[in-house]
Amino acid sequence: MLPLDPQADIGRRAWVTCPNCADGRDCPTCARHRGCGDHWRYLLATTGGRLHLQCPSCAHVWDHETGFGAHRTG
């Protein structure tokens, strides 16, 4: 398991399903697409509509394309 990124800050959070552990899959709050107090992700950075995230449960790091804002190709 990776350690938390130095940019990880609890004050910068996002609510996106972790593609590695999906820890909120059985959570009724997450199923309603609400801001769950248990299943949030560290928002490390943004580039246009792309979020750079880290899961606090499994430390997985990934990029998530929101579909909003400036899009990157490739």
C-alpha atoms as a PDB file:
ATOM      1  CA  MET A   1       0.000   0.000   0.000  1.00  0.00           C
ATOM      2  CA  LEU A   2       1.275   3.454  -0.892  1.00  0.00           C
ATOM      3  CA  PRO A   3       1.679   6.107   1.799  1.00  0.00           C
ATOM      4  CA  LEU A   4      -0.502   9.191   1.654  1.00  0.00           C
ATOM      5  CA  ASP A   5       0.624  11.813  -0.820  1.00  0.00           C
ATOM      6  CA  PRO A   6       2.234  14.889   0.799  1.00  0.00           C
ATOM      7  CA  GLN A   7      -0.504  16.986  -0.867  1.00  0.00           C
ATOM      8  CA  ALA A   8      -3.263  15.007   0.894  1.00  0.00           C
ATOM      9  CA  ASP A   9      -5.295  17.431   2.983  1.00  0.00           C
ATOM     10  CA  ILE A  10      -8.590  16.544   4.705  1.00  0.00           C
ATOM     11  CA  GLY A  11      -9.786  20.062   3.853  1.00  0.00           C
ATOM     12  CA  ARG A  12      -9.687  19.186   0.121  1.00  0.00           C
ATOM     13  CA  ARG A  13     -12.035  16.262  -0.492  1.00  0.00           C
ATOM     14  CA  ALA A  14     -14.044  14.743  -3.323  1.00  0.00           C
ATOM     15  CA  TRP A  15     -16.773  12.125  -3.355  1.00  0.00           C
ATOM     16  CA  VAL A  16     -15.861   9.724  -6.161  1.00  0.00           C
ATOM     17  CA  THR A  17     -15.926   5.919  -6.030  1.00  0.00           C
ATOM     18  CA  CYS A  18     -12.466   4.441  -5.612  1.00  0.00           C
ATOM     19  CA  PRO A  19     -11.789   2.130  -8.588  1.00  0.00           C
ATOM     20  CA  ASN A  20      -9.465   0.015  -6.435  1.00  0.00           C
ATOM     21  CA  CYS A  21     -11.399  -0.795  -3.248  1.00  0.00           C
ATOM     22  CA  ALA A  22     -14.932   0.644  -3.815  1.00  0.00           C
ATOM     23  CA  ASP A  23     -15.248   0.913  -0.026  1.00  0.00           C
ATOM     24  CA  GLY A  24     -18.581   2.773  -0.246  1.00  0.00           C
ATOM     25  CA  ARG A  25     -20.370   0.167  -2.386  1.00  0.00           C
ATOM     26  CA  ASP A  26     -22.707  -0.919   0.431  1.00  0.00           C
ATOM     27  CA  CYS A  27     -23.210   2.573   1.864  1.00  0.00           C
ATOM     28  CA  PRO A  28     -26.769   3.943   1.548  1.00  0.00           C
ATOM     29  CA  THR A  29     -25.510   7.553   1.626  1.00  0.00           C
ATOM     30  CA  CYS A  30     -23.057   6.926  -1.234  1.00  0.00           C
ATOM     31  CA  ALA A  31     -25.775   5.098  -3.192  1.00  0.00           C
ATOM     32  CA  ARG A  32     -27.826   8.330  -3.100  1.00  0.00           C
ATOM     33  CA  HIS A  33     -24.748  10.278  -4.381  1.00  0.00           C
ATOM     34  CA  ARG A  34     -24.548  12.329  -1.184  1.00  0.00           C
ATOM     35  CA  GLY A  35     -21.413  13.607   0.562  1.00  0.00           C
ATOM     36  CA  CYS A  36     -20.725  10.692   2.883  1.00  0.00           C
ATOM     37  CA  GLY A  37     -18.610  11.413   5.948  1.00  0.00           C
ATOM     38  CA  ASP A  38     -16.842   8.045   5.657  1.00  0.00           C
ATOM     39  CA  HIS A  39     -16.217   7.467   1.928  1.00  0.00           C
ATOM     40  CA  TRP A  40     -14.515  10.595   0.591  1.00  0.00           C
ATOM     41  CA  ARG A  41     -11.226  10.913  -1.328  1.00  0.00           C
ATOM     42  CA  TYR A  42      -8.317  13.305  -0.982  1.00  0.00           C
ATOM     43  CA  LEU A  43      -8.432  15.867  -3.792  1.00  0.00           C
ATOM     44  CA  LEU A  44      -4.734  16.228  -4.589  1.00  0.00           C
ATOM     45  CA  ALA A  45      -5.009  18.496  -7.655  1.00  0.00           C
ATOM     46  CA  THR A  46      -7.225  19.501 -10.570  1.00  0.00           C
ATOM     47  CA  THR A  47      -6.477  20.127 -14.228  1.00  0.00           C
ATOM     48  CA  GLY A  48      -9.502  21.353 -16.135  1.00  0.00           C
ATOM     49  CA  GLY A  49     -12.177  18.734 -15.580  1.00  0.00           C
ATOM     50  CA  ARG A  50      -9.694  16.111 -14.379  1.00  0.00           C
ATOM     51  CA  LEU A  51      -9.327  15.362 -10.665  1.00  0.00           C
ATOM     52  CA  HIS A  52      -6.188  13.786  -9.214  1.00  0.00           C
ATOM     53  CA  LEU A  53      -7.369  11.747  -6.200  1.00  0.00           C
ATOM     54  CA  GLN A  54      -6.152   9.448  -3.457  1.00  0.00           C
ATOM     55  CA  CYS A  55      -8.290   7.053  -1.445  1.00  0.00           C
ATOM     56  CA  PRO A  56      -7.686   7.269   2.324  1.00  0.00           C
ATOM     57  CA  SER A  57      -8.833   3.642   2.767  1.00  0.00           C
ATOM     58  CA  CYS A  58      -6.425   1.899   0.376  1.00  0.00           C
ATOM     59  CA  ALA A  59      -4.083   4.809  -0.647  1.00  0.00           C
ATOM     60  CA  HIS A  60      -4.799   4.194  -4.366  1.00  0.00           C
ATOM     61  CA  VAL A  61      -3.980   7.235  -6.560  1.00  0.00           C
ATOM     62  CA  TRP A  62      -5.853   7.877  -9.825  1.00  0.00           C
ATOM     63  CA  ASP A  63      -7.196  10.529 -12.192  1.00  0.00           C
ATOM     64  CA  HIS A  64     -10.937  10.990 -12.644  1.00  0.00           C
ATOM     65  CA  GLU A  65     -12.395  12.838 -15.638  1.00  0.00           C
ATOM     66  CA  THR A  66     -15.494  14.740 -14.483  1.00  0.00           C
ATOM     67  CA  GLY A  67     -16.815  15.638 -17.912  1.00  0.00           C
ATOM     68  CA  PHE A  68     -16.959  19.305 -16.893  1.00  0.00           C
ATOM     69  CA  GLY A  69     -14.620  22.162 -17.740  1.00  0.00           C
ATOM     70  CA  ALA A  70     -11.679  22.071 -20.125  1.00  0.00           C
ATOM     71  CA  HIS A  71     -11.118  18.608 -21.576  1.00  0.00           C
ATOM     72  CA  ARG A  72      -7.785  17.037 -22.318  1.00  0.00           C
ATOM     73  CA  THR A  73      -7.344  14.752 -25.297  1.00  0.00           C
ATOM     74  CA  GLY A  74      -5.414  11.527 -25.327  1.00  0.00           C
END
